PDB file of N, CA and C in Angstrom:
ATOM      1  N   MET A   1     -13.263  18.018  48.884  1.00  0.00           N
ATOM      2  CA  MET A   1     -12.538  17.726  47.652  1.00  0.00           C
ATOM      3  C   MET A   1     -12.736  18.848  46.634  1.00  0.00           C
ATOM      4  N   LEU A   2     -13.905  19.461  46.586  1.00  0.00           N
ATOM      5  CA  LEU A   2     -14.194  20.510  45.622  1.00  0.00           C
ATOM      6  C   LEU A   2     -13.234  21.686  45.754  1.00  0.00           C
ATOM      7  N   ASP A   3     -12.854  22.060  46.973  1.00  0.00           N
ATOM      8  CA  ASP A   3     -11.938  23.196  47.158  1.00  0.00           C
ATOM      9  C   ASP A   3     -10.520  22.866  46.735  1.00  0.00           C
ATOM     10  N   LYS A   4     -10.208  21.604  46.457  1.00  0.00           N
ATOM     11  CA  LYS A   4      -8.874  21.200  46.001  1.00  0.00           C
ATOM     12  C   LYS A   4      -8.879  20.780  44.526  1.00  0.00           C
ATOM     13  N   THR A   5     -10.004  21.024  43.865  1.00  0.00           N
ATOM     14  CA  THR A   5     -10.164  20.610  42.473  1.00  0.00           C
ATOM     15  C   THR A   5     -10.117  21.827  41.563  1.00  0.00           C
ATOM     16  N   THR A   6      -9.370  21.713  40.476  1.00  0.00           N
ATOM     17  CA  THR A   6      -9.317  22.754  39.452  1.00  0.00           C
ATOM     18  C   THR A   6     -10.015  22.228  38.203  1.00  0.00           C
ATOM     19  N   PHE A   7     -10.930  23.026  37.691  1.00  0.00           N
ATOM     20  CA  PHE A   7     -11.626  22.678  36.458  1.00  0.00           C
ATOM     21  C   PHE A   7     -11.026  23.497  35.321  1.00  0.00           C
ATOM     22  N   ILE A   8     -10.654  22.855  34.255  1.00  0.00           N
ATOM     23  CA  ILE A   8     -10.161  23.537  33.058  1.00  0.00           C
ATOM     24  C   ILE A   8     -11.107  23.163  31.928  1.00  0.00           C
ATOM     25  N   ILE A   9     -11.763  24.179  31.384  1.00  0.00           N
ATOM     26  CA  ILE A   9     -12.716  23.949  30.311  1.00  0.00           C
ATOM     27  C   ILE A   9     -12.115  24.505  29.030  1.00  0.00           C
ATOM     28  N   THR A  10     -11.990  23.657  28.034  1.00  0.00           N
ATOM     29  CA  THR A  10     -11.379  24.079  26.775  1.00  0.00           C
ATOM     30  C   THR A  10     -12.285  23.694  25.613  1.00  0.00           C
ATOM     31  N   GLY A  11     -11.947  24.209  24.483  1.00  0.00           N
ATOM     32  CA  GLY A  11     -12.629  23.858  23.243  1.00  0.00           C
ATOM     33  C   GLY A  11     -11.640  24.010  22.110  1.00  0.00           C
ATOM     34  N   ASP A  12     -11.994  23.476  20.963  1.00  0.00           N
ATOM     35  CA  ASP A  12     -11.100  23.658  19.830  1.00  0.00           C
ATOM     36  C   ASP A  12     -11.277  25.061  19.261  1.00  0.00           C
ATOM     37  N   TYR A  13     -10.340  25.482  18.464  1.00  0.00           N
ATOM     38  CA  TYR A  13     -10.388  26.818  17.890  1.00  0.00           C
ATOM     39  C   TYR A  13     -11.575  26.926  16.955  1.00  0.00           C
ATOM     40  N   GLY A  14     -12.087  28.099  16.826  1.00  0.00           N
ATOM     41  CA  GLY A  14     -13.189  28.335  15.910  1.00  0.00           C
ATOM     42  C   GLY A  14     -14.532  28.430  16.600  1.00  0.00           C
ATOM     43  N   PHE A  15     -14.755  27.561  17.556  1.00  0.00           N
ATOM     44  CA  PHE A  15     -15.997  27.575  18.317  1.00  0.00           C
ATOM     45  C   PHE A  15     -17.233  27.636  17.424  1.00  0.00           C
ATOM     46  N   SER A  16     -17.254  26.891  16.388  1.00  0.00           N
ATOM     47  CA  SER A  16     -18.413  26.886  15.501  1.00  0.00           C
ATOM     48  C   SER A  16     -18.767  25.457  15.134  1.00  0.00           C
ATOM     49  N   ASP A  17     -20.036  25.253  14.894  1.00  0.00           N
ATOM     50  CA  ASP A  17     -20.508  23.945  14.471  1.00  0.00           C
ATOM     51  C   ASP A  17     -20.049  23.684  13.041  1.00  0.00           C
ATOM     52  N   ILE A  18     -19.687  22.463  12.778  1.00  0.00           N
ATOM     53  CA  ILE A  18     -19.300  22.055  11.430  1.00  0.00           C
ATOM     54  C   ILE A  18     -20.491  21.338  10.804  1.00  0.00           C
ATOM     55  N   ARG A  19     -20.985  21.891   9.728  1.00  0.00           N
ATOM     56  CA  ARG A  19     -22.116  21.266   9.035  1.00  0.00           C
ATOM     57  C   ARG A  19     -21.727  20.792   7.636  1.00  0.00           C
ATOM     58  N   LEU A  20     -20.595  21.278   7.185  1.00  0.00           N
ATOM     59  CA  LEU A  20     -20.157  20.932   5.838  1.00  0.00           C
ATOM     60  C   LEU A  20     -18.648  20.740   5.858  1.00  0.00           C
ATOM     61  N   ARG A  21     -18.197  19.745   5.155  1.00  0.00           N
ATOM     62  CA  ARG A  21     -16.764  19.501   5.039  1.00  0.00           C
ATOM     63  C   ARG A  21     -16.457  19.325   3.563  1.00  0.00           C
ATOM     64  N   LEU A  22     -15.673  20.242   3.025  1.00  0.00           N
ATOM     65  CA  LEU A  22     -15.272  20.141   1.625  1.00  0.00           C
ATOM     66  C   LEU A  22     -13.990  19.326   1.537  1.00  0.00           C
ATOM     67  N   GLN A  23     -13.941  18.423   0.591  1.00  0.00           N
ATOM     68  CA  GLN A  23     -12.752  17.621   0.342  1.00  0.00           C
ATOM     69  C   GLN A  23     -12.392  17.761  -1.131  1.00  0.00           C
ATOM     70  N   PRO A  24     -11.716  18.853  -1.480  1.00  0.00           N
ATOM     71  CA  PRO A  24     -11.484  19.137  -2.900  1.00  0.00           C
ATOM     72  C   PRO A  24     -10.628  18.097  -3.617  1.00  0.00           C
ATOM     73  N   ASN A  25      -9.797  17.366  -2.903  1.00  0.00           N
ATOM     74  CA  ASN A  25      -9.003  16.343  -3.581  1.00  0.00           C
ATOM     75  C   ASN A  25      -9.863  15.201  -4.112  1.00  0.00           C
ATOM     76  N   SER A  26     -11.020  14.975  -3.497  1.00  0.00           N
ATOM     77  CA  SER A  26     -11.901  13.925  -4.025  1.00  0.00           C
ATOM     78  C   SER A  26     -12.396  14.288  -5.421  1.00  0.00           C
ATOM     79  N   TRP A  27     -12.566  15.582  -5.689  1.00  0.00           N
ATOM     80  CA  TRP A  27     -12.973  16.015  -7.034  1.00  0.00           C
ATOM     81  C   TRP A  27     -11.875  15.684  -8.037  1.00  0.00           C
ATOM     82  N   LEU A  28     -10.610  15.829  -7.619  1.00  0.00           N
ATOM     83  CA  LEU A  28      -9.485  15.538  -8.521  1.00  0.00           C
ATOM     84  C   LEU A  28      -9.340  14.044  -8.751  1.00  0.00           C
ATOM     85  N   VAL A  29      -9.630  13.239  -7.740  1.00  0.00           N
ATOM     86  CA  VAL A  29      -9.598  11.781  -7.900  1.00  0.00           C
ATOM     87  C   VAL A  29     -10.633  11.374  -8.938  1.00  0.00           C
ATOM     88  N   GLU A  30     -11.848  11.915  -8.810  1.00  0.00           N
ATOM     89  CA  GLU A  30     -12.921  11.589  -9.761  1.00  0.00           C
ATOM     90  C   GLU A  30     -12.563  12.000 -11.183  1.00  0.00           C
ATOM     91  N   ALA A  31     -11.786  13.074 -11.331  1.00  0.00           N
ATOM     92  CA  ALA A  31     -11.398  13.561 -12.659  1.00  0.00           C
ATOM     93  C   ALA A  31     -10.153  12.853 -13.192  1.00  0.00           C
ATOM     94  N   GLY A  32      -9.568  11.937 -12.413  1.00  0.00           N
ATOM     95  CA  GLY A  32      -8.387  11.209 -12.857  1.00  0.00           C
ATOM     96  C   GLY A  32      -7.104  12.014 -12.791  1.00  0.00           C
ATOM     97  N   LEU A  33      -7.087  13.080 -12.013  1.00  0.00           N
ATOM     98  CA  LEU A  33      -5.897  13.931 -11.909  1.00  0.00           C
ATOM     99  C   LEU A  33      -4.981  13.533 -10.761  1.00  0.00           C
ATOM    100  N   ARG A  34      -5.455  12.659  -9.902  1.00  0.00           N
ATOM    101  CA  ARG A  34      -4.621  12.144  -8.815  1.00  0.00           C
ATOM    102  C   ARG A  34      -5.206  10.844  -8.306  1.00  0.00           C
ATOM    103  N   GLU A  35      -4.379  10.076  -7.605  1.00  0.00           N
ATOM    104  CA  GLU A  35      -4.846   8.853  -6.976  1.00  0.00           C
ATOM    105  C   GLU A  35      -5.461   9.206  -5.623  1.00  0.00           C
ATOM    106  N   GLU A  36      -6.232   8.283  -5.096  1.00  0.00           N
ATOM    107  CA  GLU A  36      -6.886   8.532  -3.809  1.00  0.00           C
ATOM    108  C   GLU A  36      -5.869   8.804  -2.705  1.00  0.00           C
ATOM    109  N   THR A  37      -4.790   8.018  -2.668  1.00  0.00           N
ATOM    110  CA  THR A  37      -3.736   8.255  -1.685  1.00  0.00           C
ATOM    111  C   THR A  37      -2.465   8.619  -2.422  1.00  0.00           C
ATOM    112  N   LEU A  38      -1.762   9.574  -1.865  1.00  0.00           N
ATOM    113  CA  LEU A  38      -0.491   9.976  -2.468  1.00  0.00           C
ATOM    114  C   LEU A  38       0.618   9.107  -1.895  1.00  0.00           C
ATOM    115  N   GLY A  39       1.555   8.768  -2.672  1.00  0.00           N
ATOM    116  CA  GLY A  39       2.662   7.940  -2.242  1.00  0.00           C
ATOM    117  C   GLY A  39       3.583   7.664  -3.416  1.00  0.00           C
ATOM    118  N   THR A  40       3.113   8.072  -4.563  1.00  0.00           N
ATOM    119  CA  THR A  40       3.897   7.922  -5.778  1.00  0.00           C
ATOM    120  C   THR A  40       3.914   9.275  -6.487  1.00  0.00           C
ATOM    121  N   ASP A  41       4.616   9.338  -7.557  1.00  0.00           N
ATOM    122  CA  ASP A  41       4.621  10.555  -8.370  1.00  0.00           C
ATOM    123  C   ASP A  41       3.514  10.522  -9.422  1.00  0.00           C
ATOM    124  N   ASN A  42       2.554   9.634  -9.247  1.00  0.00           N
ATOM    125  CA  ASN A  42       1.481   9.455 -10.216  1.00  0.00           C
ATOM    126  C   ASN A  42       0.298  10.372  -9.900  1.00  0.00           C
ATOM    127  N   TRP A  43       0.524  11.671  -9.976  1.00  0.00           N
ATOM    128  CA  TRP A  43      -0.537  12.654  -9.806  1.00  0.00           C
ATOM    129  C   TRP A  43      -0.218  13.870 -10.655  1.00  0.00           C
ATOM    130  N   ARG A  44      -1.238  14.544 -11.112  1.00  0.00           N
ATOM    131  CA  ARG A  44      -1.040  15.735 -11.936  1.00  0.00           C
ATOM    132  C   ARG A  44      -1.413  17.000 -11.185  1.00  0.00           C
ATOM    133  N   ALA A  45      -2.411  16.900 -10.304  1.00  0.00           N
ATOM    134  CA  ALA A  45      -2.864  18.060  -9.538  1.00  0.00           C
ATOM    135  C   ALA A  45      -3.326  17.571  -8.176  1.00  0.00           C
ATOM    136  N   ARG A  46      -3.161  18.437  -7.186  1.00  0.00           N
ATOM    137  CA  ARG A  46      -3.685  18.132  -5.855  1.00  0.00           C
ATOM    138  C   ARG A  46      -3.874  19.428  -5.090  1.00  0.00           C
ATOM    139  N   PHE A  47      -4.792  19.401  -4.177  1.00  0.00           N
ATOM    140  CA  PHE A  47      -4.998  20.530  -3.293  1.00  0.00           C
ATOM    141  C   PHE A  47      -4.230  20.282  -2.005  1.00  0.00           C
ATOM    142  N   TYR A  48      -3.516  21.305  -1.568  1.00  0.00           N
ATOM    143  CA  TYR A  48      -2.880  21.297  -0.263  1.00  0.00           C
ATOM    144  C   TYR A  48      -3.797  22.118   0.634  1.00  0.00           C
ATOM    145  N   THR A  49      -4.348  21.487   1.649  1.00  0.00           N
ATOM    146  CA  THR A  49      -5.303  22.175   2.512  1.00  0.00           C
ATOM    147  C   THR A  49      -4.656  22.481   3.853  1.00  0.00           C
ATOM    148  N   ALA A  50      -4.956  23.667   4.370  1.00  0.00           N
ATOM    149  CA  ALA A  50      -4.423  24.080   5.663  1.00  0.00           C
ATOM    150  C   ALA A  50      -5.279  25.204   6.231  1.00  0.00           C
ATOM    151  N   GLY A  51      -5.781  24.987   7.414  1.00  0.00           N
ATOM    152  CA  GLY A  51      -6.475  26.039   8.140  1.00  0.00           C
ATOM    153  C   GLY A  51      -7.632  26.691   7.411  1.00  0.00           C
ATOM    154  N   GLY A  52      -8.425  25.926   6.704  1.00  0.00           N
ATOM    155  CA  GLY A  52      -9.573  26.484   6.009  1.00  0.00           C
ATOM    156  C   GLY A  52      -9.261  27.015   4.624  1.00  0.00           C
ATOM    157  N   ALA A  53      -8.023  26.881   4.195  1.00  0.00           N
ATOM    158  CA  ALA A  53      -7.632  27.299   2.846  1.00  0.00           C
ATOM    159  C   ALA A  53      -7.163  26.067   2.078  1.00  0.00           C
ATOM    160  N   ALA A  54      -7.237  26.148   0.771  1.00  0.00           N
ATOM    161  CA  ALA A  54      -6.736  25.073  -0.083  1.00  0.00           C
ATOM    162  C   ALA A  54      -5.981  25.703  -1.241  1.00  0.00           C
ATOM    163  N   PHE A  55      -4.806  25.192  -1.499  1.00  0.00           N
ATOM    164  CA  PHE A  55      -3.964  25.702  -2.575  1.00  0.00           C
ATOM    165  C   PHE A  55      -3.751  24.588  -3.584  1.00  0.00           C
ATOM    166  N   LEU A  56      -3.958  24.892  -4.847  1.00  0.00           N
ATOM    167  CA  LEU A  56      -3.785  23.900  -5.899  1.00  0.00           C
ATOM    168  C   LEU A  56      -2.318  23.796  -6.272  1.00  0.00           C
ATOM    169  N   LEU A  57      -1.834  22.578  -6.293  1.00  0.00           N
ATOM    170  CA  LEU A  57      -0.464  22.302  -6.738  1.00  0.00           C
ATOM    171  C   LEU A  57      -0.533  21.462  -8.002  1.00  0.00           C
ATOM    172  N   LEU A  58       0.274  21.816  -8.976  1.00  0.00           N
ATOM    173  CA  LEU A  58       0.422  20.992 -10.171  1.00  0.00           C
ATOM    174  C   LEU A  58       1.747  20.251 -10.057  1.00  0.00           C
ATOM    175  N   HIS A  59       1.742  18.955 -10.337  1.00  0.00           N
ATOM    176  CA  HIS A  59       2.976  18.180 -10.276  1.00  0.00           C
ATOM    177  C   HIS A  59       4.012  18.773 -11.225  1.00  0.00           C
ATOM    178  N   ASN A  60       3.559  19.119 -12.395  1.00  0.00           N
ATOM    179  CA  ASN A  60       4.394  19.829 -13.364  1.00  0.00           C
ATOM    180  C   ASN A  60       3.780  21.224 -13.516  1.00  0.00           C
ATOM    181  N   SER A  61       4.473  22.244 -13.053  1.00  0.00           N
ATOM    182  CA  SER A  61       3.900  23.598 -13.026  1.00  0.00           C
ATOM    183  C   SER A  61       3.510  24.116 -14.405  1.00  0.00           C
ATOM    184  N   ASN A  62       4.009  23.489 -15.467  1.00  0.00           N
ATOM    185  CA  ASN A  62       3.655  23.902 -16.828  1.00  0.00           C
ATOM    186  C   ASN A  62       2.515  23.078 -17.428  1.00  0.00           C
ATOM    187  N   ASP A  63       1.915  22.200 -16.643  1.00  0.00           N
ATOM    188  CA  ASP A  63       0.877  21.291 -17.140  1.00  0.00           C
ATOM    189  C   ASP A  63      -0.480  21.998 -17.180  1.00  0.00           C
ATOM    190  N   MET A  64      -0.659  22.835 -18.173  1.00  0.00           N
ATOM    191  CA  MET A  64      -1.910  23.576 -18.307  1.00  0.00           C
ATOM    192  C   MET A  64      -3.075  22.665 -18.666  1.00  0.00           C
ATOM    193  N   GLU A  65      -2.785  21.484 -19.212  1.00  0.00           N
ATOM    194  CA  GLU A  65      -3.831  20.520 -19.519  1.00  0.00           C
ATOM    195  C   GLU A  65      -4.422  19.929 -18.234  1.00  0.00           C
ATOM    196  N   ALA A  66      -3.694  19.987 -17.135  1.00  0.00           N
ATOM    197  CA  ALA A  66      -4.238  19.555 -15.842  1.00  0.00           C
ATOM    198  C   ALA A  66      -5.003  20.693 -15.180  1.00  0.00           C
ATOM    199  N   LEU A  67      -4.585  21.914 -15.430  1.00  0.00           N
ATOM    200  CA  LEU A  67      -5.234  23.073 -14.820  1.00  0.00           C
ATOM    201  C   LEU A  67      -6.646  23.300 -15.369  1.00  0.00           C
ATOM    202  N   ARG A  68      -6.819  23.086 -16.646  1.00  0.00           N
ATOM    203  CA  ARG A  68      -8.109  23.330 -17.296  1.00  0.00           C
ATOM    204  C   ARG A  68      -9.259  22.527 -16.665  1.00  0.00           C
ATOM    205  N   PRO A  69      -9.114  21.211 -16.462  1.00  0.00           N
ATOM    206  CA  PRO A  69     -10.232  20.477 -15.854  1.00  0.00           C
ATOM    207  C   PRO A  69     -10.503  20.891 -14.409  1.00  0.00           C
ATOM    208  N   VAL A  70      -9.476  21.332 -13.698  1.00  0.00           N
ATOM    209  CA  VAL A  70      -9.702  21.799 -12.328  1.00  0.00           C
ATOM    210  C   VAL A  70     -10.611  23.024 -12.355  1.00  0.00           C
ATOM    211  N   GLY A  71     -10.341  23.946 -13.264  1.00  0.00           N
ATOM    212  CA  GLY A  71     -11.198  25.117 -13.418  1.00  0.00           C
ATOM    213  C   GLY A  71     -12.624  24.724 -13.748  1.00  0.00           C
ATOM    214  N   ASN A  72     -12.779  23.734 -14.621  1.00  0.00           N
ATOM    215  CA  ASN A  72     -14.119  23.257 -14.983  1.00  0.00           C
ATOM    216  C   ASN A  72     -14.824  22.613 -13.791  1.00  0.00           C
ATOM    217  N   ILE A  73     -14.081  21.845 -13.006  1.00  0.00           N
ATOM    218  CA  ILE A  73     -14.666  21.216 -11.814  1.00  0.00           C
ATOM    219  C   ILE A  73     -15.214  22.288 -10.890  1.00  0.00           C
ATOM    220  N   LEU A  74     -14.405  23.294 -10.583  1.00  0.00           N
ATOM    221  CA  LEU A  74     -14.823  24.352  -9.663  1.00  0.00           C
ATOM    222  C   LEU A  74     -16.012  25.138 -10.217  1.00  0.00           C
ATOM    223  N   LYS A  75     -15.968  25.416 -11.514  1.00  0.00           N
ATOM    224  CA  LYS A  75     -17.038  26.187 -12.140  1.00  0.00           C
ATOM    225  C   LYS A  75     -18.355  25.419 -12.147  1.00  0.00           C
ATOM    226  N   ASN A  76     -18.289  24.093 -12.290  1.00  0.00           N
ATOM    227  CA  ASN A  76     -19.493  23.289 -12.431  1.00  0.00           C
ATOM    228  C   ASN A  76     -20.040  22.722 -11.121  1.00  0.00           C
ATOM    229  N   LEU A  77     -19.437  23.080 -10.012  1.00  0.00           N
ATOM    230  CA  LEU A  77     -19.995  22.665  -8.730  1.00  0.00           C
ATOM    231  C   LEU A  77     -21.327  23.365  -8.518  1.00  0.00           C
ATOM    232  N   SER A  78     -22.174  22.763  -7.747  1.00  0.00           N
ATOM    233  CA  SER A  78     -23.471  23.376  -7.481  1.00  0.00           C
ATOM    234  C   SER A  78     -23.291  24.707  -6.745  1.00  0.00           C
ATOM    235  N   THR A  79     -24.250  25.583  -6.925  1.00  0.00           N
ATOM    236  CA  THR A  79     -24.227  26.869  -6.239  1.00  0.00           C
ATOM    237  C   THR A  79     -24.200  26.662  -4.731  1.00  0.00           C
ATOM    238  N   SER A  80     -24.892  25.646  -4.257  1.00  0.00           N
ATOM    239  CA  SER A  80     -24.921  25.382  -2.820  1.00  0.00           C
ATOM    240  C   SER A  80     -23.550  24.974  -2.283  1.00  0.00           C
ATOM    241  N   THR A  81     -22.688  24.395  -3.117  1.00  0.00           N
ATOM    242  CA  THR A  81     -21.324  24.063  -2.708  1.00  0.00           C
ATOM    243  C   THR A  81     -20.400  25.258  -2.903  1.00  0.00           C
ATOM    244  N   ARG A  82     -20.529  25.943  -4.034  1.00  0.00           N
ATOM    245  CA  ARG A  82     -19.645  27.084  -4.326  1.00  0.00           C
ATOM    246  C   ARG A  82     -19.784  28.225  -3.335  1.00  0.00           C
ATOM    247  N   GLN A  83     -20.918  28.313  -2.651  1.00  0.00           N
ATOM    248  CA  GLN A  83     -21.115  29.409  -1.704  1.00  0.00           C
ATOM    249  C   GLN A  83     -20.165  29.330  -0.505  1.00  0.00           C
ATOM    250  N   PHE A  84     -19.519  28.187  -0.311  1.00  0.00           N
ATOM    251  CA  PHE A  84     -18.674  28.001   0.852  1.00  0.00           C
ATOM    252  C   PHE A  84     -17.200  28.312   0.611  1.00  0.00           C
ATOM    253  N   PHE A  85     -16.845  28.710  -0.587  1.00  0.00           N
ATOM    254  CA  PHE A  85     -15.453  29.063  -0.833  1.00  0.00           C
ATOM    255  C   PHE A  85     -15.361  30.116  -1.924  1.00  0.00           C
ATOM    256  N   LYS A  86     -14.213  30.741  -1.980  1.00  0.00           N
ATOM    257  CA  LYS A  86     -13.942  31.710  -3.031  1.00  0.00           C
ATOM    258  C   LYS A  86     -12.691  31.242  -3.758  1.00  0.00           C
ATOM    259  N   ASN A  87     -12.786  31.160  -5.049  1.00  0.00           N
ATOM    260  CA  ASN A  87     -11.663  30.734  -5.883  1.00  0.00           C
ATOM    261  C   ASN A  87     -10.913  31.979  -6.355  1.00  0.00           C
ATOM    262  N   ILE A  88      -9.636  32.065  -6.025  1.00  0.00           N
ATOM    263  CA  ILE A  88      -8.841  33.193  -6.502  1.00  0.00           C
ATOM    264  C   ILE A  88      -7.620  32.667  -7.245  1.00  0.00           C
ATOM    265  N   ASP A  89      -7.216  33.407  -8.277  1.00  0.00           N
ATOM    266  CA  ASP A  89      -6.052  32.979  -9.054  1.00  0.00           C
ATOM    267  C   ASP A  89      -4.784  33.611  -8.480  1.00  0.00           C
ATOM    268  N   ARG A  90      -3.666  33.292  -9.073  1.00  0.00           N
ATOM    269  CA  ARG A  90      -2.359  33.724  -8.552  1.00  0.00           C
ATOM    270  C   ARG A  90      -2.250  35.239  -8.474  1.00  0.00           C
ATOM    271  N   SER A  91      -2.712  35.948  -9.489  1.00  0.00           N
ATOM    272  CA  SER A  91      -2.588  37.408  -9.465  1.00  0.00           C
ATOM    273  C   SER A  91      -3.452  38.002  -8.350  1.00  0.00           C
ATOM    274  N   GLN A  92      -4.642  37.432  -8.114  1.00  0.00           N
ATOM    275  CA  GLN A  92      -5.487  37.907  -7.020  1.00  0.00           C
ATOM    276  C   GLN A  92      -4.855  37.598  -5.667  1.00  0.00           C
ATOM    277  N   LEU A  93      -4.207  36.451  -5.551  1.00  0.00           N
ATOM    278  CA  LEU A  93      -3.514  36.095  -4.319  1.00  0.00           C
ATOM    279  C   LEU A  93      -2.367  37.060  -4.058  1.00  0.00           C
ATOM    280  N   ASP A  94      -1.578  37.355  -5.088  1.00  0.00           N
ATOM    281  CA  ASP A  94      -0.472  38.308  -4.938  1.00  0.00           C
ATOM    282  C   ASP A  94      -0.985  39.679  -4.502  1.00  0.00           C
ATOM    283  N   GLU A  95      -2.088  40.108  -5.095  1.00  0.00           N
ATOM    284  CA  GLU A  95      -2.681  41.407  -4.740  1.00  0.00           C
ATOM    285  C   GLU A  95      -3.155  41.405  -3.280  1.00  0.00           C
ATOM    286  N   LEU A  96      -3.768  40.318  -2.861  1.00  0.00           N
ATOM    287  CA  LEU A  96      -4.230  40.203  -1.488  1.00  0.00           C
ATOM    288  C   LEU A  96      -3.056  40.257  -0.502  1.00  0.00           C
ATOM    289  N   VAL A  97      -1.994  39.548  -0.811  1.00  0.00           N
ATOM    290  CA  VAL A  97      -0.806  39.553   0.043  1.00  0.00           C
ATOM    291  C   VAL A  97      -0.235  40.958   0.142  1.00  0.00           C
ATOM    292  N   GLN A  98      -0.139  41.635  -0.983  1.00  0.00           N
ATOM    293  CA  GLN A  98       0.377  43.012  -0.975  1.00  0.00           C
ATOM    294  C   GLN A  98      -0.498  43.924  -0.120  1.00  0.00           C
ATOM    295  N   THR A  99      -1.804  43.759  -0.219  1.00  0.00           N
ATOM    296  CA  THR A  99      -2.725  44.562   0.588  1.00  0.00           C
ATOM    297  C   THR A  99      -2.544  44.273   2.068  1.00  0.00           C
ATOM    298  N   LEU A 100      -2.428  43.016   2.421  1.00  0.00           N
ATOM    299  CA  LEU A 100      -2.258  42.643   3.815  1.00  0.00           C
ATOM    300  C   LEU A 100      -0.913  43.100   4.380  1.00  0.00           C
ATOM    301  N   MET A 101       0.085  43.144   3.510  1.00  0.00           N
ATOM    302  CA  MET A 101       1.422  43.576   3.936  1.00  0.00           C
ATOM    303  C   MET A 101       1.542  45.102   3.975  1.00  0.00           C
ATOM    304  N   GLY A 102       0.517  45.780   3.492  1.00  0.00           N
ATOM    305  CA  GLY A 102       0.524  47.232   3.524  1.00  0.00           C
ATOM    306  C   GLY A 102       1.365  47.877   2.434  1.00  0.00           C
ATOM    307  N   HIS A 103       1.545  47.193   1.339  1.00  0.00           N
ATOM    308  CA  HIS A 103       2.357  47.742   0.237  1.00  0.00           C
ATOM    309  C   HIS A 103       1.474  48.190  -0.891  1.00  0.00           C
TER     310      HIS A 103
END
């Protein structure tokens, strides 16, 4: 039977142990900027997470009063939590994209 058996060994991408899981939307729930589950338009800010990155979305892009507490939340996280991510603003993101695109 062994000579007629094929073994396929796979793993998930990344091949690394997970010891920490950041859930940035929970910080926004605690600050009253969004509900625990989305399903209504009753939110002011939320993180869209994908592939190890998180992008902040404002329900109203001009709502600077929602942006300010998010900045405070990120700034006031413990050093042990902040070491796991880098916060960049829109201009830094644009610069990074331009660098990656070779422009």
